[in-house]
Amino acid sequence: MIALPSELLSSGAEMTNEPETLLDPYSVEWFERMRAQLGDAACRTLGMYAIPTDFRLSVVIPVYNERETLMQLLERVKEVPIPKEIVLVDDCSVDGTRDLLKELETSGWDDEKNSLSIHYHDVNQGKGAAVRTGFAKATGDVSIIQDADLEYDPAEIPRLLQPIIEGRADVVFGSRFLGDQPHRVLYFWHYVGNRVLTTLSNCFTNLNLTDMETCYKLFKREVIEEIGPKLKQNRFGIEPEMTARVSRRRYRIFEMSISYHGRTYDQGKKIGVKDGFQALWCIVRYGLAD
């Protein structure tokens, strides 16, 4: 994917000497202007497309002890130029994250393009439980899972959304191991474990994914309505469970490259060896039966 200058993405006015009205990126008017100036082939290459005026994206953010990164993450999500609702689910944080969320509720949220809803778990249950709560509260046309740390870049969301908007996909996985996007080099055995889990999952689902454990998964509303009430896993087993359920229903699944800035355990990384064994169990369990 070729990066666009922000000025070009914002208006397209710089392509001519004539003054033009600033248009919202991905609006129908903006896309028609860009297509007239660049042509269809260039727009496809550059990831330019139109989002329907009544479209809304749900960004489901499970949160647990992310006080240090949460507000910066929220700012990055808000900057994504797509109408959306942000669904925050606090999984009983104990580091002051909940205080930040309470402040957000009381200070008000004045943003016409980004609605906000915040939900709380009374006891810590795990990422999967927070995702399930978020899916139940989401009302958008498409839902994406966004971790509350800064490992995944929300600026890449529009690119991941394109196959769904264009009617080519029902589900999109963002892969950390596909393509040439920047990827922080960290733990070798985490990489090996991910490859083993992804390969085993593919054996049961007959998919050829490269990153089953990725956070970035996008689902059309009808997919969430179908699989959401059936999800059961409370921790990181939610990843192979979701994968198995969408595979069994033969949804159209795309995979696209994403960047990844992983954290160390000192920086707050939470997944561990126990979660790997749980994922193995879930791959077999949900690979064999719904």
Protein backbone atom coordinates (compact mmCIF):
# COMPACT_ATOMS: atom_id res chain seq x y z
CA MET A 1 0.00 0.00 0.00
CA ILE A 2 1.38 3.38 -1.04
CA ALA A 3 1.03 6.04 1.64
CA LEU A 4 -0.78 9.19 0.61
CA PRO A 5 0.17 12.71 1.66
CA SER A 6 -2.37 13.89 4.20
CA GLU A 7 -3.18 16.92 2.07
CA LEU A 8 -4.15 14.74 -0.89
CA LEU A 9 -6.24 12.44 1.29
CA SER A 10 -8.07 15.39 2.82
CA SER A 11 -9.25 17.16 -0.27
CA GLY A 12 -7.74 16.38 -3.63
CA ALA A 13 -7.64 20.11 -4.25
CA GLU A 14 -3.88 20.14 -4.76
CA MET A 15 -4.23 18.24 -8.01
CA THR A 16 -5.40 21.40 -9.78
CA ASN A 17 -4.81 25.14 -9.52
CA GLU A 18 -8.48 25.79 -8.86
CA PRO A 19 -9.69 26.29 -5.29
CA GLU A 20 -11.91 23.41 -4.22
CA THR A 21 -14.03 22.69 -1.18
CA LEU A 22 -12.46 20.41 1.41
CA LEU A 23 -14.21 17.06 1.45
CA ASP A 24 -14.28 14.31 4.04
CA PRO A 25 -11.98 11.42 3.07
CA TYR A 26 -13.86 8.36 1.83
CA SER A 27 -17.05 10.33 1.23
CA VAL A 28 -18.82 9.75 -2.08
CA GLU A 29 -18.00 13.27 -3.25
CA TRP A 30 -14.34 12.91 -2.28
CA PHE A 31 -14.02 9.60 -4.11
CA GLU A 32 -15.67 10.94 -7.27
CA ARG A 33 -13.24 13.84 -7.27
CA MET A 34 -10.23 11.57 -6.80
CA ARG A 35 -11.44 9.15 -9.45
CA ALA A 36 -11.93 11.98 -11.94
CA GLN A 37 -8.39 13.21 -11.29
CA LEU A 38 -6.52 9.91 -10.96
CA GLY A 39 -8.63 7.27 -12.69
CA ASP A 40 -10.06 3.97 -11.46
CA ALA A 41 -6.81 1.99 -11.62
CA ALA A 42 -4.88 4.49 -9.50
CA CYS A 43 -7.69 4.70 -6.95
CA ARG A 44 -7.71 0.93 -6.54
CA THR A 45 -3.94 0.87 -6.13
CA LEU A 46 -3.96 3.69 -3.60
CA GLY A 47 -6.87 2.30 -1.58
CA MET A 48 -9.30 5.11 -2.44
CA TYR A 49 -12.97 4.20 -2.26
CA ALA A 50 -16.33 5.62 -1.16
CA ILE A 51 -18.06 4.78 2.10
CA PRO A 52 -21.88 5.08 2.03
CA THR A 53 -23.24 8.13 3.84
CA ASP A 54 -25.27 6.01 6.28
CA PHE A 55 -22.37 3.68 7.14
CA ARG A 56 -21.07 3.37 10.71
CA LEU A 57 -18.12 1.38 11.99
CA SER A 58 -18.10 -0.14 15.48
CA VAL A 59 -14.66 -0.19 17.12
CA VAL A 60 -14.81 -2.67 20.01
CA ILE A 61 -12.00 -2.00 22.49
CA PRO A 62 -11.49 -4.48 25.37
CA VAL A 63 -9.60 -2.74 28.16
CA TYR A 64 -7.68 -4.14 31.12
CA ASN A 65 -5.06 -2.08 32.98
CA GLU A 66 -4.19 0.21 30.06
CA ARG A 67 -4.07 3.58 31.79
CA GLU A 68 -0.75 4.52 30.16
CA THR A 69 -1.92 4.00 26.56
CA LEU A 70 -5.71 4.31 26.56
CA MET A 71 -6.10 8.04 25.93
CA GLN A 72 -3.52 8.10 23.15
CA LEU A 73 -5.18 5.08 21.57
CA LEU A 74 -8.57 6.80 21.71
CA GLU A 75 -7.15 9.87 19.97
CA ARG A 76 -5.75 7.68 17.20
CA VAL A 77 -9.07 5.91 16.78
CA LYS A 78 -10.93 9.22 16.62
CA GLU A 79 -8.57 10.41 13.88
CA VAL A 80 -9.65 7.61 11.54
CA PRO A 81 -11.80 9.53 9.00
CA ILE A 82 -14.78 7.18 9.12
CA PRO A 83 -18.06 7.67 11.04
CA LYS A 84 -17.93 5.26 13.95
CA GLU A 85 -19.03 4.27 17.41
CA ILE A 86 -16.34 3.46 19.93
CA VAL A 87 -17.36 0.67 22.31
CA LEU A 88 -15.09 0.47 25.36
CA VAL A 89 -15.37 -2.52 27.69
CA ASP A 90 -13.37 -2.32 30.91
CA ASP A 91 -12.62 -5.78 32.26
CA CYS A 92 -12.31 -4.68 35.91
CA SER A 93 -9.06 -2.72 35.60
CA VAL A 94 -7.21 -1.98 38.84
CA ASP A 95 -4.52 0.45 37.66
CA GLY A 96 -6.66 3.58 37.40
CA THR A 97 -7.98 2.88 33.90
CA ARG A 98 -11.52 2.80 35.25
CA ASP A 99 -11.05 6.27 36.74
CA LEU A 100 -10.10 7.57 33.28
CA LEU A 101 -13.22 6.02 31.80
CA LYS A 102 -15.40 7.57 34.52
CA GLU A 103 -13.86 10.95 33.70
CA LEU A 104 -14.71 10.45 30.04
CA GLU A 105 -18.31 9.76 31.00
CA THR A 106 -18.65 12.83 33.21
CA SER A 107 -16.71 15.27 31.03
CA GLY A 108 -18.92 14.64 28.03
CA TRP A 109 -18.07 13.47 24.54
CA ASP A 110 -18.56 16.14 21.92
CA ASP A 111 -17.74 14.49 18.61
CA GLU A 112 -20.38 14.21 15.91
CA LYS A 113 -18.40 11.61 13.92
CA ASN A 114 -17.50 9.40 16.88
CA SER A 115 -20.07 8.23 19.38
CA LEU A 116 -18.85 6.61 22.59
CA SER A 117 -20.27 3.95 24.88
CA ILE A 118 -18.48 2.56 27.94
CA HIS A 119 -19.30 -0.69 29.69
CA TYR A 120 -17.85 -2.29 32.80
CA HIS A 121 -17.25 -5.81 34.08
CA ASP A 122 -17.57 -6.19 37.85
CA VAL A 123 -14.97 -8.97 37.89
CA ASN A 124 -12.04 -9.67 35.60
CA GLN A 125 -13.03 -12.27 33.01
CA GLY A 126 -10.58 -11.91 30.13
CA LYS A 127 -10.30 -10.41 26.67
CA GLY A 128 -12.79 -12.82 25.15
CA ALA A 129 -15.49 -11.84 27.63
CA ALA A 130 -14.87 -8.15 26.92
CA VAL A 131 -15.08 -8.78 23.18
CA ARG A 132 -18.36 -10.64 23.62
CA THR A 133 -19.78 -7.74 25.64
CA GLY A 134 -18.58 -5.29 23.01
CA PHE A 135 -20.17 -7.26 20.18
CA ALA A 136 -23.46 -7.36 22.08
CA LYS A 137 -23.41 -3.55 22.44
CA ALA A 138 -22.17 -2.73 18.92
CA THR A 139 -24.70 -1.37 16.43
CA GLY A 140 -22.48 -0.52 13.45
CA ASP A 141 -22.54 -2.01 9.95
CA VAL A 142 -19.07 -3.48 10.52
CA SER A 143 -17.27 -4.25 13.79
CA ILE A 144 -13.52 -4.35 14.36
CA ILE A 145 -11.63 -5.41 17.49
CA GLN A 146 -9.01 -2.90 18.63
CA ASP A 147 -6.68 -3.61 21.54
CA ALA A 148 -6.29 -0.76 24.02
CA ASP A 149 -2.50 -0.76 23.79
CA LEU A 150 -0.56 0.72 20.88
CA GLU A 151 0.53 -2.51 19.19
CA TYR A 152 -1.91 -2.04 16.29
CA ASP A 153 -2.24 1.20 14.33
CA PRO A 154 -5.84 2.44 13.84
CA ALA A 155 -4.68 4.43 10.80
CA GLU A 156 -4.74 1.13 8.88
CA ILE A 157 -8.43 0.50 9.53
CA PRO A 158 -9.70 2.15 6.30
CA ARG A 159 -7.48 -0.13 4.21
CA LEU A 160 -8.76 -3.22 6.05
CA LEU A 161 -12.35 -2.09 5.61
CA GLN A 162 -12.17 -1.69 1.83
CA PRO A 163 -12.91 -5.33 0.79
CA ILE A 164 -16.07 -5.31 2.92
CA ILE A 165 -17.31 -1.94 1.66
CA GLU A 166 -16.74 -3.07 -1.93
CA GLY A 167 -18.78 -6.22 -1.34
CA ARG A 168 -15.91 -8.66 -1.77
CA ALA A 169 -15.57 -9.87 1.83
CA ASP A 170 -17.66 -10.63 4.92
CA VAL A 171 -14.68 -10.94 7.28
CA VAL A 172 -11.18 -9.43 7.12
CA PHE A 173 -8.16 -10.55 9.15
CA GLY A 174 -5.19 -8.21 9.50
CA SER A 175 -2.00 -10.25 9.28
CA ARG A 176 1.24 -9.28 11.02
CA PHE A 177 3.15 -11.78 8.86
CA LEU A 178 1.85 -11.00 5.38
CA GLY A 179 3.49 -8.39 3.20
CA ASP A 180 6.09 -5.77 4.03
CA GLN A 181 4.48 -3.64 6.74
CA PRO A 182 6.74 -2.59 9.65
CA HIS A 183 6.95 -5.21 12.38
CA ARG A 184 8.80 -4.82 15.66
CA VAL A 185 11.22 -7.70 16.22
CA LEU A 186 10.62 -9.39 19.57
CA TYR A 187 10.12 -12.92 20.87
CA PHE A 188 11.13 -15.82 18.60
CA TRP A 189 9.15 -18.42 20.54
CA HIS A 190 6.03 -16.27 20.40
CA TYR A 191 6.42 -16.29 16.62
CA VAL A 192 6.87 -20.07 16.58
CA GLY A 193 3.86 -20.53 18.83
CA ASN A 194 1.73 -18.31 16.62
CA ARG A 195 2.75 -20.23 13.50
CA VAL A 196 1.98 -23.57 15.17
CA LEU A 197 -1.44 -22.39 16.36
CA THR A 198 -2.29 -20.83 12.99
CA THR A 199 -1.23 -23.95 11.10
CA LEU A 200 -3.21 -26.24 13.38
CA SER A 201 -6.23 -23.95 13.09
CA ASN A 202 -5.92 -24.06 9.30
CA CYS A 203 -5.91 -27.86 9.42
CA PHE A 204 -9.31 -27.83 11.11
CA THR A 205 -10.86 -24.90 9.22
CA ASN A 206 -9.32 -25.58 5.78
CA LEU A 207 -8.32 -21.91 5.57
CA ASN A 208 -4.86 -20.64 4.58
CA LEU A 209 -4.50 -17.85 7.10
CA THR A 210 -1.06 -16.60 8.13
CA ASP A 211 -2.12 -15.01 11.44
CA MET A 212 -5.13 -16.54 13.17
CA GLU A 213 -4.23 -14.89 16.50
CA THR A 214 -4.32 -11.33 15.13
CA CYS A 215 -6.28 -8.71 17.04
CA TYR A 216 -7.51 -6.98 13.89
CA LYS A 217 -10.57 -8.89 12.79
CA LEU A 218 -13.43 -7.12 10.98
CA PHE A 219 -16.94 -8.57 10.71
CA LYS A 220 -20.03 -7.45 8.85
CA ARG A 221 -23.08 -6.92 11.07
CA GLU A 222 -24.78 -10.10 9.86
CA VAL A 223 -21.68 -12.11 10.81
CA ILE A 224 -21.72 -10.67 14.34
CA GLU A 225 -25.45 -11.34 14.62
CA GLU A 226 -24.83 -14.96 13.64
CA ILE A 227 -21.72 -15.87 15.63
CA GLY A 228 -21.80 -13.31 18.46
CA PRO A 229 -24.45 -15.02 20.64
CA LYS A 230 -22.63 -18.36 20.22
CA LEU A 231 -19.20 -17.18 21.39
CA LYS A 232 -18.19 -18.71 24.74
CA GLN A 233 -14.48 -18.16 25.37
CA ASN A 234 -13.49 -15.61 28.01
CA ARG A 235 -9.77 -15.28 27.36
CA PHE A 236 -7.56 -15.45 24.26
CA GLY A 237 -9.31 -18.63 23.13
CA ILE A 238 -11.80 -16.26 21.55
CA GLU A 239 -9.45 -15.94 18.54
CA PRO A 240 -9.53 -19.58 17.35
CA GLU A 241 -13.20 -19.80 18.33
CA MET A 242 -14.16 -16.86 16.10
CA THR A 243 -12.02 -18.23 13.29
CA ALA A 244 -13.63 -21.66 13.44
CA ARG A 245 -17.16 -20.26 13.56
CA VAL A 246 -16.76 -17.95 10.54
CA SER A 247 -15.01 -20.73 8.61
CA ARG A 248 -17.79 -23.22 9.26
CA ARG A 249 -20.38 -20.78 7.88
CA ARG A 250 -18.34 -20.27 4.72
CA TYR A 251 -18.15 -16.50 4.96
CA ARG A 252 -15.86 -14.78 2.50
CA ILE A 253 -12.65 -14.16 4.43
CA PHE A 254 -9.87 -11.84 3.30
CA GLU A 255 -6.46 -11.38 4.88
CA MET A 256 -4.46 -8.15 4.56
CA SER A 257 -1.05 -7.10 5.82
CA ILE A 258 -0.77 -4.80 8.84
CA SER A 259 2.06 -3.26 10.81
CA TYR A 260 2.76 -4.36 14.37
CA HIS A 261 4.55 -2.68 17.25
CA GLY A 262 4.59 -5.42 19.86
CA ARG A 263 5.11 -4.83 23.56
CA THR A 264 7.41 -6.60 25.98
CA TYR A 265 6.12 -8.10 29.21
CA ASP A 266 7.65 -5.20 31.08
CA GLN A 267 5.52 -2.88 28.94
CA GLY A 268 2.32 -4.75 29.81
CA LYS A 269 2.00 -7.70 27.42
CA LYS A 270 -0.48 -10.15 28.92
CA ILE A 271 -0.68 -13.31 26.81
CA GLY A 272 1.28 -16.25 28.20
CA VAL A 273 2.06 -19.96 27.85
CA LYS A 274 -1.21 -20.96 29.53
CA ASP A 275 -3.12 -19.07 26.87
CA GLY A 276 -1.26 -21.00 24.18
CA PHE A 277 -2.43 -24.33 25.61
CA GLN A 278 -5.96 -22.95 25.93
CA ALA A 279 -5.82 -21.91 22.27
CA LEU A 280 -4.80 -25.46 21.32
CA TRP A 281 -7.82 -26.84 23.13
CA CYS A 282 -10.12 -24.30 21.47
CA ILE A 283 -8.76 -25.07 18.00
CA VAL A 284 -9.65 -28.74 18.42
CA ARG A 285 -12.90 -28.10 20.29
CA TYR A 286 -14.40 -25.60 17.82
CA GLY A 287 -12.75 -27.19 14.82
CA LEU A 288 -14.70 -30.39 15.45
CA ALA A 289 -18.10 -28.98 16.33
CA ASP A 290 -19.97 -25.69 16.75
